[in-house]
């Protein structure tokens, strides 16, 4: 793998992953990795296999072949509970939040804190919630309102705070800015920068190439279930990544004519 023996192993390494649905290889021999404090953008057209690959990591649809390593250790992730035990959390676009209750109730949903006499410890839950959300999103003020009335960016703050509070080290974010306006998108970008600074690794599934360029350190491109390649964002143009997505060609293989045809 790496020439330097003293390098930390990646936070996640998915090696030679295969996932089939009824004889169709949705994911075919794909290898990707993710380091602590890094965002890896996973891009590709519909049916490229990026969500399926991440479902193998989140335990939602275990792979048929390949190996997953967390911090260099081989692991098996048969279900979402096992994924959580390894510090893997998924933030879906739909954000599984309970609309009619506030941020603290959402943060501790199913894991409520109780007092010694067994009643709900609302004060402790609110204080923990203020602490973690305050760290992630200092502008968040609406701690007492039902989350249904929060903006999209604030709702993401609650979902992410919940994951991080319960020790997520690896976040899968599926189209996190898809339904958001510019101000809310900026809020989510700030959240992601904060998570990176805390050493959390993020797989970012997105259709939006500009989003990926804003947020990702590296970009892994899939086409028809295979990995086209992984590139450092600093070393490529958006057109070169589009050529990978559409033509399956690496930046070293793509011609000026190919690039011109993308805007034909």
Protein backbone atom coordinates (compact mmCIF):
# COMPACT_ATOMS: atom_id res chain seq x y z
CA UNK A 1 0.00 0.00 0.00
CA UNK A 2 2.15 2.91 1.25
CA UNK A 3 5.93 3.10 1.17
CA UNK A 4 6.05 4.83 4.56
CA UNK A 5 5.87 2.24 7.31
CA UNK A 6 5.12 4.81 10.00
CA UNK A 7 1.94 6.03 8.33
CA UNK A 8 -1.31 5.48 10.16
CA UNK A 9 -3.56 2.99 8.37
CA UNK A 10 -6.60 4.64 6.80
CA UNK A 11 -9.68 5.11 8.95
CA UNK A 12 -11.57 3.01 6.39
CA UNK A 13 -10.29 0.79 3.60
CA UNK A 14 -12.83 -1.00 1.43
CA UNK A 15 -10.91 -3.42 -0.75
CA UNK A 16 -12.19 -5.27 -3.86
CA UNK A 17 -15.81 -4.75 -2.83
CA UNK A 18 -18.51 -6.60 -4.74
CA UNK A 19 -22.27 -6.27 -4.39
CA UNK A 20 -24.70 -8.04 -6.72
CA UNK A 21 -28.45 -7.70 -7.19
CA UNK A 22 -29.94 -10.64 -9.06
CA UNK A 23 -26.83 -11.33 -11.11
CA UNK A 24 -26.07 -7.68 -11.84
CA UNK A 25 -22.80 -6.39 -10.35
CA UNK A 26 -23.94 -3.12 -8.77
CA UNK A 27 -20.45 -2.80 -7.29
CA UNK A 28 -17.63 -4.67 -8.99
CA UNK A 29 -14.15 -4.92 -7.41
CA UNK A 30 -14.10 -1.40 -5.98
CA UNK A 31 -11.34 -0.22 -3.64
CA UNK A 32 -11.62 3.12 -1.81
CA UNK A 33 -10.18 4.50 1.40
CA UNK A 34 -10.73 7.37 3.80
CA UNK A 35 -8.41 9.03 6.29
CA UNK A 36 -9.21 10.80 9.54
CA UNK A 37 -10.08 14.47 8.99
CA UNK A 38 -10.65 13.93 5.27
CA UNK A 39 -13.64 14.24 2.96
CA UNK A 40 -13.74 11.78 0.06
CA UNK A 41 -16.37 12.69 -2.53
CA UNK A 42 -18.07 9.69 -4.15
CA UNK A 43 -19.46 10.69 -7.51
CA UNK A 44 -20.94 9.05 -10.57
CA UNK A 45 -24.19 9.02 -12.52
CA UNK A 46 -27.34 7.18 -11.46
CA UNK A 47 -26.66 3.48 -11.09
CA UNK A 48 -22.90 4.01 -10.81
CA UNK A 49 -22.95 2.09 -7.52
CA UNK A 50 -21.87 4.80 -5.10
CA UNK A 51 -24.85 4.49 -2.73
CA UNK A 52 -24.69 0.69 -2.91
CA UNK A 53 -21.00 0.79 -1.97
CA UNK A 54 -21.79 2.98 1.05
CA UNK A 55 -24.70 0.72 2.06
CA UNK A 56 -22.13 -2.06 2.40
CA UNK A 57 -20.16 0.14 4.82
CA UNK A 58 -23.25 1.19 6.80
CA UNK A 59 -24.45 -2.42 7.15
CA UNK A 60 -27.68 -1.70 5.27
CA UNK A 61 -26.77 -4.10 2.44
CA UNK A 62 -23.71 -6.24 3.26
CA UNK A 63 -21.29 -6.89 0.40
CA UNK A 64 -20.99 -10.24 -1.40
CA UNK A 65 -17.23 -10.00 -1.59
CA UNK A 66 -14.24 -7.89 -0.63
CA UNK A 67 -12.90 -6.77 2.73
CA UNK A 68 -13.48 -3.79 4.98
CA UNK A 69 -10.74 -2.56 7.32
CA UNK A 70 -11.31 0.01 10.07
CA UNK A 71 -8.04 1.50 11.35
CA UNK A 72 -6.20 -1.35 9.65
CA UNK A 73 -8.27 -4.11 11.31
CA UNK A 74 -10.47 -6.38 9.17
CA UNK A 75 -14.13 -6.11 10.20
CA UNK A 76 -17.44 -7.63 9.20
CA UNK A 77 -20.48 -5.32 9.09
CA UNK A 78 -23.60 -7.50 8.84
CA UNK A 79 -26.09 -4.80 9.94
CA UNK A 80 -26.40 -1.10 10.84
CA UNK A 81 -25.95 -1.80 14.57
CA UNK A 82 -22.53 -3.33 13.88
CA UNK A 83 -21.64 -0.27 11.79
CA UNK A 84 -22.53 2.03 14.72
CA UNK A 85 -20.30 -0.08 16.99
CA UNK A 86 -17.40 0.75 14.62
CA UNK A 87 -18.27 4.46 14.76
CA UNK A 88 -19.94 4.55 11.34
CA UNK A 89 -23.05 6.74 10.98
CA UNK A 90 -25.06 7.72 7.91
CA UNK A 91 -26.67 11.13 7.54
CA UNK A 92 -29.36 10.64 4.90
CA UNK A 93 -30.92 13.46 2.95
CA UNK A 94 -34.22 12.59 4.60
CA UNK A 95 -32.67 13.03 8.11
CA UNK A 96 -34.39 10.54 10.41
CA UNK A 97 -35.55 13.13 12.93
CA UNK A 98 -38.69 13.18 15.09
CA UNK A 99 -40.36 16.34 13.80
CA UNK A 100 -42.57 17.18 16.77
CA UNK A 101 -39.87 17.32 19.47
CA UNK A 102 -36.88 19.57 20.08
CA UNK A 103 -33.17 19.13 19.40
CA UNK A 104 -32.35 17.47 22.74
CA UNK A 105 -35.17 14.94 22.43
CA UNK A 106 -33.89 14.08 18.94
CA UNK A 107 -30.32 13.82 20.06
CA UNK A 108 -31.18 11.27 22.74
CA UNK A 109 -34.00 9.52 20.84
CA UNK A 110 -33.99 5.92 22.00
CA UNK A 111 -31.03 6.61 24.31
CA UNK A 112 -32.71 8.95 26.79
CA UNK A 113 -30.89 9.98 29.95
CA UNK A 114 -32.79 9.36 33.18
CA UNK A 115 -32.38 10.60 36.73
CA UNK A 116 -31.71 8.29 39.64
CA UNK A 117 -35.43 7.91 40.28
CA UNK A 118 -36.02 6.94 36.65
CA UNK A 119 -37.62 10.10 35.26
CA UNK A 120 -36.28 11.73 32.09
CA UNK A 121 -33.30 13.96 32.84
CA UNK A 122 -34.29 16.83 30.55
CA UNK A 123 -31.73 19.24 32.01
CA UNK A 124 -28.81 16.86 31.42
CA UNK A 125 -29.98 16.11 27.87
CA UNK A 126 -30.44 19.78 27.04
CA UNK A 127 -27.06 20.72 28.45
CA UNK A 128 -25.25 17.95 26.50
CA UNK A 129 -27.13 18.99 23.35
CA UNK A 130 -26.19 22.66 23.76
CA UNK A 131 -22.57 21.66 24.22
CA UNK A 132 -22.22 19.47 21.15
CA UNK A 133 -24.38 21.57 18.79
CA UNK A 134 -22.67 24.74 20.05
CA UNK A 135 -19.34 23.23 19.03
CA UNK A 136 -20.56 22.18 15.60
CA UNK A 137 -22.77 25.14 14.78
CA UNK A 138 -22.21 28.16 17.08
CA UNK A 139 -25.13 30.02 15.41
CA UNK A 140 -27.70 27.42 16.45
CA UNK A 141 -30.16 29.04 18.88
CA UNK A 142 -33.48 27.19 18.62
CA UNK A 143 -32.99 24.55 21.28
CA UNK A 144 -36.59 24.57 22.49
CA UNK A 145 -38.44 24.46 19.16
CA UNK A 146 -39.70 21.29 17.49
CA UNK A 147 -37.21 20.39 14.76
CA UNK A 148 -39.97 20.47 12.12
CA UNK A 149 -39.76 24.27 12.21
CA UNK A 150 -35.96 24.41 11.85
CA UNK A 151 -34.17 25.20 8.59
CA UNK A 152 -32.56 22.39 6.61
CA UNK A 153 -29.08 23.39 7.74
CA UNK A 154 -30.16 23.43 11.39
CA UNK A 155 -31.82 20.03 11.04
CA UNK A 156 -28.55 18.66 9.67
CA UNK A 157 -26.79 20.14 12.70
CA UNK A 158 -29.09 18.13 14.97
CA UNK A 159 -28.61 14.89 13.00
CA UNK A 160 -24.83 15.32 12.86
CA UNK A 161 -24.60 16.31 16.53
CA UNK A 162 -26.42 13.11 17.44
CA UNK A 163 -23.99 11.00 15.43
CA UNK A 164 -20.92 12.76 16.82
CA UNK A 165 -22.13 12.72 20.43
CA UNK A 166 -22.46 8.95 20.22
CA UNK A 167 -18.87 8.61 18.99
CA UNK A 168 -19.18 8.51 15.22
CA UNK A 169 -15.71 8.63 13.65
CA UNK A 170 -16.83 7.88 10.09
CA UNK A 171 -19.75 9.76 8.55
CA UNK A 172 -21.47 8.84 5.32
CA UNK A 173 -23.30 11.91 4.03
CA UNK A 174 -25.76 11.26 1.23
CA UNK A 175 -26.43 14.40 -0.86
CA UNK A 176 -26.26 16.64 2.25
CA UNK A 177 -27.00 19.90 0.42
CA UNK A 178 -29.47 18.61 -2.19
CA UNK A 179 -32.57 20.29 -0.79
CA UNK A 180 -30.90 23.36 0.70
CA UNK A 181 -30.69 27.01 -0.33
CA UNK A 182 -27.36 28.89 -0.52
CA UNK A 183 -27.30 30.09 3.12
CA UNK A 184 -28.13 26.63 4.47
CA UNK A 185 -25.59 25.01 2.14
CA UNK A 186 -22.96 27.35 3.56
CA UNK A 187 -24.03 26.23 7.04
CA UNK A 188 -23.53 22.57 6.15
CA UNK A 189 -20.12 23.38 4.63
CA UNK A 190 -19.09 25.00 7.91
CA UNK A 191 -20.33 21.92 9.78
CA UNK A 192 -18.22 19.67 7.55
CA UNK A 193 -15.12 21.82 8.10
CA UNK A 194 -15.66 21.58 11.85
CA UNK A 195 -16.04 17.77 11.67
CA UNK A 196 -12.81 17.53 9.65
CA UNK A 197 -10.95 19.58 12.24
CA UNK A 198 -12.07 17.04 14.85
CA UNK A 199 -10.52 14.19 12.84
CA UNK A 200 -13.79 12.70 11.59
CA UNK A 201 -13.63 11.11 8.14
CA UNK A 202 -16.50 11.76 5.73
CA UNK A 203 -17.65 9.91 2.63
CA UNK A 204 -19.72 12.46 0.70
CA UNK A 205 -22.11 11.00 -1.90
CA UNK A 206 -23.15 13.74 -4.29
CA UNK A 207 -24.42 14.48 -7.78
CA UNK A 208 -23.30 18.07 -7.53
CA UNK A 209 -19.77 18.37 -8.86
CA UNK A 210 -19.41 21.92 -7.48
CA UNK A 211 -20.44 20.74 -4.03
CA UNK A 212 -17.81 18.03 -4.23
CA UNK A 213 -15.16 20.50 -5.36
CA UNK A 214 -16.01 22.77 -2.45
CA UNK A 215 -15.91 20.06 0.19
CA UNK A 216 -13.82 17.06 -0.84
CA UNK A 217 -10.09 16.47 -0.47
CA UNK A 218 -10.15 13.51 -2.83
CA UNK A 219 -12.76 12.38 -5.33
CA UNK A 220 -13.54 8.74 -6.15
CA UNK A 221 -15.48 8.33 -9.39
CA UNK A 222 -17.64 5.31 -10.19
CA UNK A 223 -19.18 4.23 -13.49
CA UNK A 224 -21.31 1.10 -14.04
CA UNK A 225 -20.31 -0.38 -10.69
CA UNK A 226 -16.58 0.01 -11.23
CA UNK A 227 -14.11 2.54 -9.88
CA UNK A 228 -12.85 4.83 -12.65
CA UNK A 229 -10.25 6.24 -10.27
CA UNK A 230 -9.54 8.42 -7.25
CA UNK A 231 -8.00 11.86 -7.72
CA UNK A 232 -6.76 14.66 -5.49
CA UNK A 233 -9.13 17.58 -5.88
CA UNK A 234 -6.19 20.04 -6.05
CA UNK A 235 -4.79 18.27 -9.11
CA UNK A 236 -7.88 18.13 -11.34
CA UNK A 237 -10.39 20.44 -12.99
CA UNK A 238 -14.16 19.98 -12.78
CA UNK A 239 -14.11 19.10 -16.51
CA UNK A 240 -11.58 16.33 -15.91
CA UNK A 241 -13.81 14.89 -13.19
CA UNK A 242 -16.83 15.18 -15.50
CA UNK A 243 -14.90 13.22 -18.13
CA UNK A 244 -14.31 10.51 -15.51
CA UNK A 245 -18.02 10.46 -14.61
CA UNK A 246 -19.35 10.48 -18.19
CA UNK A 247 -16.60 8.78 -20.24
CA UNK A 248 -14.83 6.73 -17.62
CA UNK A 249 -11.52 8.31 -18.66
CA UNK A 250 -8.79 9.32 -16.24
CA UNK A 251 -7.25 12.82 -16.51
CA UNK A 252 -4.11 11.21 -18.02
CA UNK A 253 -6.23 9.61 -20.78
CA UNK A 254 -8.58 12.45 -21.62
CA UNK A 255 -8.01 14.63 -24.71
CA UNK A 256 -8.81 18.31 -25.27
CA UNK A 257 -11.44 17.18 -27.76
CA UNK A 258 -13.03 14.96 -25.08
CA UNK A 259 -13.16 17.91 -22.70
CA UNK A 260 -14.62 20.20 -25.38
CA UNK A 261 -17.33 17.63 -26.15
CA UNK A 262 -18.58 17.74 -22.54
CA UNK A 263 -19.98 21.18 -23.26
CA UNK A 264 -21.04 20.36 -26.80
